[in-house]
Amino acid sequence: MDLGLKDKVALVTAASRGLGKAAAWSLAQEGARVAICSRSSQIEETAKKIGEETARSILAVQADLSQSADIQSLISKTFSEFEHIDILIINAGGPQPGDFLSLTAEDWEKAINLTLMSAVHLCYGVVPHMIARGTGSIVATQSYSVKQPIDNLILSNSIRLAVVGLMKSLANELGPKGIRVNSIHPAWTWTERVEQLIADRAERRGTSTEDEQARVTIDVPLGRMGTVEEYGRAIAWLASPAASFIHGHALMFDGGATKTPL
């Protein structure tokens, strides 16, 4: 299937590795020109690798999504390089773990700034441009925790729901202006970070990585984690013109782990 992404311009945040990198790679593989960012200087190496593997133009920008000035600079550099933005993929590292009483009000403020306000600032930077052109696609990556809370992740469980509320509201506002807005919600997906977490759990518990993988996928009907390649294909499709009538939707990328009926 041709997703209609050839020469579209996509901005993908927090893309030096993991899910962001997978999204950027899949979009580039489908023919898009892609701008990516990360706090880490690793973003340059990631851009080079994606560019070599896909033969597409990749812009790397070092930016901290918790800083509004960095977001403004990121968007400005993307416009300078590509002149417009067709697709915005909102992605950021997750808030710190912890239960309610182990966290402080300052922890909440930091998490809100990273998870919610980064999405707000990105949309303020991109949406007026999309409205002027009468077209665009926005996809926010969040978590399947928006459907069922995950233990010890109260910040993520709470604040990611706010991002979904933002996306749903923007869908109502921007749909009539030709802009699609959706979100995608992965469960455990086999990234470098997850591989490290699984290895750490196995070491601490004196078990094997296979045992720990089985623990986290016990409630997944497909019996396994998703892969970054599967995630990349899913988000590229959702962001693309091939999904032209999918709007205001929260796509669960979880292998059936979410048990809510809707």
Protein backbone atom coordinates (compact mmCIF):
# COMPACT_ATOMS: atom_id res chain seq x y z
CA MET A 1 0.00 0.00 0.00
CA ASP A 2 1.23 3.48 -0.91
CA LEU A 3 0.75 5.61 2.20
CA GLY A 4 1.04 8.85 0.22
CA LEU A 5 4.02 10.07 2.24
CA LYS A 6 6.50 10.76 -0.55
CA ASP A 7 8.09 14.19 0.02
CA LYS A 8 5.81 14.99 2.96
CA VAL A 9 7.63 16.76 5.78
CA ALA A 10 7.40 15.17 9.22
CA LEU A 11 8.68 16.47 12.56
CA VAL A 12 9.26 13.68 15.07
CA THR A 13 10.31 14.57 18.62
CA ALA A 14 12.40 12.53 21.08
CA ALA A 15 13.67 10.38 18.23
CA SER A 16 17.26 9.47 19.02
CA ARG A 17 16.17 5.93 19.88
CA GLY A 18 13.19 3.77 20.74
CA LEU A 19 9.69 4.60 19.56
CA GLY A 20 10.57 8.05 18.24
CA LYS A 21 13.38 6.63 16.14
CA ALA A 22 11.08 3.89 14.84
CA ALA A 23 8.49 6.48 13.81
CA ALA A 24 11.09 8.60 12.04
CA TRP A 25 12.59 5.60 10.25
CA SER A 26 9.22 4.35 9.00
CA LEU A 27 8.17 7.78 7.77
CA ALA A 28 11.48 8.22 5.94
CA GLN A 29 11.22 4.72 4.49
CA GLU A 30 7.84 5.70 3.06
CA GLY A 31 9.42 8.70 1.34
CA ALA A 32 8.95 11.51 3.84
CA ARG A 33 11.52 14.16 4.64
CA VAL A 34 12.00 14.07 8.38
CA ALA A 35 13.21 16.35 11.17
CA ILE A 36 14.07 14.70 14.47
CA CYS A 37 15.14 15.98 17.87
CA SER A 38 16.48 14.78 21.20
CA ARG A 39 18.21 16.24 24.25
CA SER A 40 21.13 13.93 23.47
CA SER A 41 23.84 14.56 20.88
CA GLN A 42 23.09 10.99 19.78
CA ILE A 43 20.45 12.55 17.54
CA GLU A 44 23.13 13.35 14.93
CA GLU A 45 24.18 9.70 14.70
CA THR A 46 20.55 8.58 14.51
CA ALA A 47 19.82 11.04 11.69
CA LYS A 48 22.87 9.87 9.75
CA LYS A 49 21.88 6.22 10.11
CA ILE A 50 18.25 6.77 9.10
CA GLY A 51 19.37 8.88 6.14
CA GLU A 52 21.79 6.21 4.94
CA GLU A 53 19.25 3.40 5.32
CA THR A 54 16.33 5.21 3.67
CA ALA A 55 18.11 7.58 1.27
CA ARG A 56 15.99 10.44 2.59
CA SER A 57 16.80 13.88 3.96
CA ILE A 58 16.95 13.86 7.78
CA LEU A 59 17.39 17.01 9.87
CA ALA A 60 18.79 16.51 13.38
CA VAL A 61 18.21 19.13 16.07
CA GLN A 62 19.33 18.90 19.68
CA ALA A 63 16.43 20.16 21.79
CA ASP A 64 15.02 19.70 25.29
CA LEU A 65 11.25 19.36 25.08
CA SER A 66 10.82 20.65 28.61
CA GLN A 67 12.13 24.02 27.41
CA SER A 68 9.74 26.12 25.32
CA ALA A 69 12.62 28.07 23.77
CA ASP A 70 14.15 24.82 22.51
CA ILE A 71 10.82 23.82 20.96
CA GLN A 72 10.53 27.19 19.21
CA SER A 73 14.08 26.78 17.86
CA LEU A 74 13.33 23.22 16.71
CA ILE A 75 10.27 24.32 14.76
CA SER A 76 12.09 27.32 13.29
CA LYS A 77 14.96 25.12 12.08
CA THR A 78 12.50 22.63 10.57
CA PHE A 79 10.73 25.39 8.64
CA SER A 80 14.07 26.80 7.54
CA GLU A 81 15.20 23.42 6.21
CA PHE A 82 11.94 22.13 4.69
CA GLU A 83 9.72 25.26 4.40
CA HIS A 84 6.64 23.54 5.83
CA ILE A 85 5.48 20.73 8.15
CA ASP A 86 2.86 18.23 7.01
CA ILE A 87 3.07 15.83 9.96
CA LEU A 88 3.79 16.38 13.65
CA ILE A 89 4.61 13.32 15.76
CA ILE A 90 4.50 14.33 19.43
CA ASN A 91 6.70 12.08 21.53
CA ALA A 92 8.60 12.60 24.80
CA GLY A 93 10.30 10.52 27.45
CA GLY A 94 8.01 9.30 30.18
CA PRO A 95 7.70 10.98 33.60
CA GLN A 96 9.59 9.41 36.49
CA PRO A 97 8.05 6.39 38.22
CA GLY A 98 6.71 6.44 41.76
CA ASP A 99 3.53 6.19 43.81
CA PHE A 100 1.71 9.27 45.10
CA LEU A 101 3.41 9.71 48.46
CA SER A 102 6.89 9.07 47.09
CA LEU A 103 6.59 12.05 44.74
CA THR A 104 6.54 15.79 45.38
CA ALA A 105 4.58 18.67 43.91
CA GLU A 106 7.76 19.64 42.09
CA ASP A 107 7.85 16.19 40.47
CA TRP A 108 4.32 16.79 39.21
CA GLU A 109 5.26 20.17 37.78
CA LYS A 110 8.26 18.70 35.95
CA ALA A 111 6.14 15.88 34.55
CA ILE A 112 3.43 18.27 33.40
CA ASN A 113 6.04 20.43 31.69
CA LEU A 114 7.60 17.47 29.88
CA THR A 115 4.52 15.44 28.95
CA LEU A 116 1.70 17.95 28.57
CA MET A 117 3.28 21.34 27.98
CA SER A 118 5.70 20.01 25.36
CA ALA A 119 2.66 18.91 23.36
CA VAL A 120 1.01 22.30 23.90
CA HIS A 121 4.09 24.24 22.76
CA LEU A 122 4.62 21.98 19.74
CA CYS A 123 1.02 22.50 18.67
CA TYR A 124 1.24 26.27 19.15
CA GLY A 125 4.28 26.23 16.88
CA VAL A 126 2.87 24.03 14.13
CA VAL A 127 -0.94 24.35 14.09
CA PRO A 128 -1.17 27.95 12.76
CA HIS A 129 1.04 26.92 9.83
CA MET A 130 -1.13 23.87 9.12
CA ILE A 131 -4.28 25.98 9.29
CA ALA A 132 -2.81 28.43 6.76
CA ARG A 133 -2.11 25.54 4.37
CA GLY A 134 -5.46 23.82 5.04
CA THR A 135 -3.87 20.45 5.70
CA GLY A 136 -1.86 18.53 8.26
CA SER A 137 -1.70 15.49 10.51
CA ILE A 138 -0.83 15.37 14.22
CA VAL A 139 -0.24 12.16 16.17
CA ALA A 140 0.65 12.08 19.88
CA THR A 141 2.41 9.02 21.28
CA GLN A 142 1.29 8.31 24.82
CA SER A 143 0.67 4.96 26.58
CA TYR A 144 -1.91 2.25 27.06
CA SER A 145 -2.02 3.52 30.66
CA VAL A 146 -4.64 6.01 29.47
CA LYS A 147 -7.05 3.05 29.47
CA GLN A 148 -5.83 1.19 32.55
CA PRO A 149 -3.39 2.64 35.09
CA ILE A 150 0.01 1.02 35.55
CA ASP A 151 1.26 0.49 39.08
CA ASN A 152 3.95 2.91 40.29
CA LEU A 153 3.43 5.27 37.33
CA ILE A 154 0.95 7.76 38.77
CA LEU A 155 2.50 10.73 36.94
CA SER A 156 2.24 9.01 33.57
CA ASN A 157 -1.22 7.60 34.32
CA SER A 158 -2.53 11.06 35.16
CA ILE A 159 -0.81 13.46 32.78
CA ARG A 160 -1.02 11.35 29.63
CA LEU A 161 -4.80 11.52 29.95
CA ALA A 162 -4.50 15.30 29.75
CA VAL A 163 -2.64 14.95 26.44
CA VAL A 164 -5.43 12.72 25.12
CA GLY A 165 -7.94 15.39 26.17
CA LEU A 166 -5.88 17.95 24.27
CA MET A 167 -5.79 15.77 21.15
CA LYS A 168 -9.53 15.05 21.30
CA SER A 169 -10.30 18.75 21.70
CA LEU A 170 -7.97 19.71 18.86
CA ALA A 171 -9.61 17.08 16.68
CA ASN A 172 -12.93 18.87 17.10
CA GLU A 173 -11.39 22.28 16.44
CA LEU A 174 -9.04 21.40 13.59
CA GLY A 175 -10.96 18.75 11.65
CA PRO A 176 -13.05 21.38 9.82
CA LYS A 177 -9.80 23.11 8.88
CA GLY A 178 -8.39 20.02 7.13
CA ILE A 179 -6.12 18.84 9.94
CA ARG A 180 -6.36 15.33 11.36
CA VAL A 181 -5.47 14.72 15.02
CA ASN A 182 -4.99 11.29 16.58
CA SER A 183 -3.02 9.52 19.30
CA ILE A 184 -1.33 6.13 19.62
CA HIS A 185 -0.90 4.23 22.88
CA PRO A 186 1.75 1.53 23.04
CA ALA A 187 2.02 -1.10 25.73
CA TRP A 188 5.35 -2.86 26.35
CA THR A 189 7.29 -2.60 23.09
CA TRP A 190 10.74 -4.10 22.58
CA THR A 191 12.98 -1.03 22.52
CA GLU A 192 16.55 -0.63 23.74
CA ARG A 193 15.20 0.92 26.94
CA VAL A 194 12.81 -1.98 27.58
CA GLU A 195 15.60 -4.47 26.90
CA GLN A 196 17.64 -2.74 29.61
CA LEU A 197 14.69 -2.73 32.04
CA ILE A 198 14.02 -6.42 31.47
CA ALA A 199 17.69 -7.31 31.97
CA ASP A 200 17.78 -5.24 35.18
CA ARG A 201 14.64 -6.92 36.54
CA ALA A 202 16.07 -10.35 35.77
CA GLU A 203 19.32 -9.53 37.54
CA ARG A 204 17.59 -8.11 40.63
CA ARG A 205 15.17 -11.03 40.91
CA GLY A 206 17.60 -13.78 39.96
CA THR A 207 15.44 -14.82 37.03
CA SER A 208 15.96 -14.92 33.27
CA THR A 209 15.04 -12.27 30.69
CA GLU A 210 12.55 -14.79 29.27
CA ASP A 211 10.85 -15.03 32.68
CA GLU A 212 10.61 -11.25 32.95
CA GLN A 213 9.24 -10.90 29.43
CA ALA A 214 6.58 -13.46 30.34
CA ARG A 215 5.65 -11.41 33.43
CA VAL A 216 4.99 -8.21 31.51
CA THR A 217 3.12 -9.92 28.67
CA ILE A 218 0.99 -12.26 30.76
CA ASP A 219 -2.12 -10.17 30.05
CA VAL A 220 -1.39 -9.72 26.34
CA PRO A 221 -3.57 -12.08 24.26
CA LEU A 222 -0.94 -12.15 21.50
CA GLY A 223 1.53 -13.36 24.11
CA ARG A 224 4.41 -11.04 23.35
CA MET A 225 5.60 -7.45 23.20
CA GLY A 226 5.24 -5.33 20.11
CA THR A 227 8.33 -4.56 18.04
CA VAL A 228 9.60 -1.14 17.04
CA GLU A 229 9.07 -2.10 13.40
CA GLU A 230 5.40 -2.83 14.07
CA TYR A 231 5.03 0.40 15.96
CA GLY A 232 6.75 2.36 13.20
CA ARG A 233 4.42 0.96 10.56
CA ALA A 234 1.36 1.68 12.72
CA ILE A 235 2.20 5.31 13.42
CA ALA A 236 3.33 5.99 9.84
CA TRP A 237 -0.02 4.73 8.59
CA LEU A 238 -1.99 6.69 11.20
CA ALA A 239 -0.17 9.90 10.29
CA SER A 240 -0.42 9.35 6.55
CA PRO A 241 -3.01 10.26 3.91
CA ALA A 242 -3.81 6.53 3.73
CA ALA A 243 -5.66 6.99 7.05
CA SER A 244 -7.54 10.02 5.72
CA PHE A 245 -10.82 9.27 7.54
CA ILE A 246 -9.23 8.32 10.88
CA HIS A 247 -9.64 11.35 13.11
CA GLY A 248 -9.94 11.98 16.85
CA HIS A 249 -8.95 8.37 17.46
CA ALA A 250 -6.85 6.85 20.26
CA LEU A 251 -5.21 3.81 18.66
CA MET A 252 -4.19 1.12 21.16
CA PHE A 253 -0.90 -0.52 20.17
CA ASP A 254 -1.02 -3.21 22.83
CA GLY A 255 -1.64 -6.66 21.36
CA GLY A 256 -5.05 -6.73 23.03
CA ALA A 257 -3.74 -6.02 26.56
CA THR A 258 -6.33 -3.33 27.22
CA LYS A 259 -9.51 -4.98 28.42
CA THR A 260 -11.88 -2.01 28.39
CA PRO A 261 -14.73 -2.49 25.88
CA LEU A 262 -14.11 0.83 24.08
